[in-house]
């Protein structure tokens, strides 16, 4: 049975033998979903807009009616797919502000209907010599409590919107809603002075009130 963990728990996931092989950054297809905070960190630290990154480092896919971004793969010098942010040495060029799923690996999240727990993905990383580390340290977020609250809120918001879209009999209305959500949470810039998490709550509440 999978053991569920909190960010205060220790997990055997740190790898002293890791020299940045980049195996977890290759051949991932469209599986590295990017949430609004991921894009906020990327755009702020790279000094580029969402539109600048689109079709270069980020692409879009439709998931149960919603249009959501994911991390784009490119071909390396051997013609194999890898993350667009890997440098010539195969190291992550955005490591300090890398996306949440990259930061999480080799952990996963188990959602329980209101919040979530962490678990170690079986066979996630094959590198030997694992040692224990506190999950909060592994994730490395300065305000982990706000990040976890955001992560849960975004997950359940996406699920609720997808449910609404599945029940809709108005294709044009569904398309407009999907594009509005993309615009509101990804394309529209965030105010770095106000802080991402506070502004996210406002935008989320605005849309939820419209469907309450």
Foldseek 3Di string as FASTA:
>chain_A
DWDWAALQDKDQDDAPPDPLPQPLFFPPAQPAFAFLLLLQLVCVVVVHALVVCEPQQKHWDADLLAITIGGDWDQDPVGTTGHSQQDPVNHGVSVVSHGQVVLQPQKDWADDPQFITITGDVVRDPRDDTDMDRNNVSSPDPCVVLVRNVVRLRVVLVVVLSVVLVPDPDVVVSNVVNVVVCCLRGRDHDDVVVPDSVVVVVSSVVVVVVVD
